[in-house]
Amino acid sequence: MIWGDRDPYIRFSTARELAERIAHAELIRLRGGDHYIMEERPPVLTDALISLLSVPLTARA
């Protein structure tokens, strides 16, 4: 999960709780990111996605 720390709709505590309930989920907190980080800061989101997707699935289990 990728969460922007300036998201006015979803609190960090909610994002953390969701990540804890999803098996093998990882929560990445992006500083300065709003709810629409994909539109506001595409390069930051892209870097986070690449980082997340570059780890083999077996390593996450």
Protein backbone atom coordinates (compact mmCIF):
# COMPACT_ATOMS: atom_id res chain seq x y z
CA MET A 1 0.00 0.00 0.00
CA ILE A 2 1.20 3.51 -0.76
CA TRP A 3 -0.11 6.32 1.38
CA GLY A 4 0.56 10.07 1.25
CA ASP A 5 1.04 11.65 4.66
CA ARG A 6 -1.07 14.68 3.73
CA ASP A 7 -4.09 12.63 2.72
CA PRO A 8 -7.12 14.49 4.10
CA TYR A 9 -9.45 11.53 3.60
CA ILE A 10 -7.59 8.52 4.99
CA ARG A 11 -5.67 8.82 8.25
CA PHE A 12 -2.36 7.05 8.68
CA SER A 13 -3.85 4.92 11.46
CA THR A 14 -6.46 3.65 9.00
CA ALA A 15 -3.85 2.90 6.34
CA ARG A 16 -1.73 1.07 8.91
CA GLU A 17 -4.73 -0.96 10.09
CA LEU A 18 -5.58 -1.95 6.52
CA ALA A 19 -1.99 -3.00 5.85
CA GLU A 20 -2.01 -5.13 8.99
CA ARG A 21 -5.17 -6.91 7.83
CA ILE A 22 -3.85 -7.72 4.35
CA ALA A 23 -1.52 -10.70 4.31
CA HIS A 24 2.05 -9.76 3.35
CA ALA A 25 1.09 -6.12 2.73
CA GLU A 26 3.72 -3.42 2.97
CA LEU A 27 2.81 0.17 3.75
CA ILE A 28 4.91 2.88 2.14
CA ARG A 29 4.43 6.36 3.58
CA LEU A 30 5.18 9.16 1.12
CA ARG A 31 6.00 12.51 2.67
CA GLY A 32 4.04 15.42 1.28
CA GLY A 33 1.68 13.17 -0.64
CA ASP A 34 -2.02 13.94 -0.81
CA HIS A 35 -4.89 11.57 -1.62
CA TYR A 36 -4.20 12.03 -5.34
CA ILE A 37 -0.44 11.55 -5.24
CA MET A 38 -0.53 9.85 -8.64
CA GLU A 39 -1.58 13.18 -10.15
CA GLU A 40 0.39 15.50 -7.87
CA ARG A 41 3.78 13.79 -7.77
CA PRO A 42 4.01 11.05 -10.40
CA PRO A 43 7.82 10.63 -10.13
CA VAL A 44 7.61 10.00 -6.37
CA LEU A 45 4.85 7.45 -6.85
CA THR A 46 6.74 5.77 -9.69
CA ASP A 47 9.85 5.41 -7.51
CA ALA A 48 7.76 3.88 -4.70
CA LEU A 49 6.09 1.45 -7.11
CA ILE A 50 9.42 0.39 -8.61
CA SER A 51 10.80 -0.19 -5.13
CA LEU A 52 7.77 -2.22 -4.12
CA LEU A 53 7.65 -4.28 -7.31
CA SER A 54 11.38 -4.98 -7.45
CA VAL A 55 11.22 -7.29 -4.41
CA PRO A 56 10.50 -10.92 -5.35
CA LEU A 57 7.14 -12.14 -4.07
CA THR A 58 8.77 -15.03 -2.24
CA ALA A 59 10.82 -12.56 -0.20
CA ARG A 60 7.65 -10.86 1.02
CA ALA A 61 5.99 -14.04 2.27
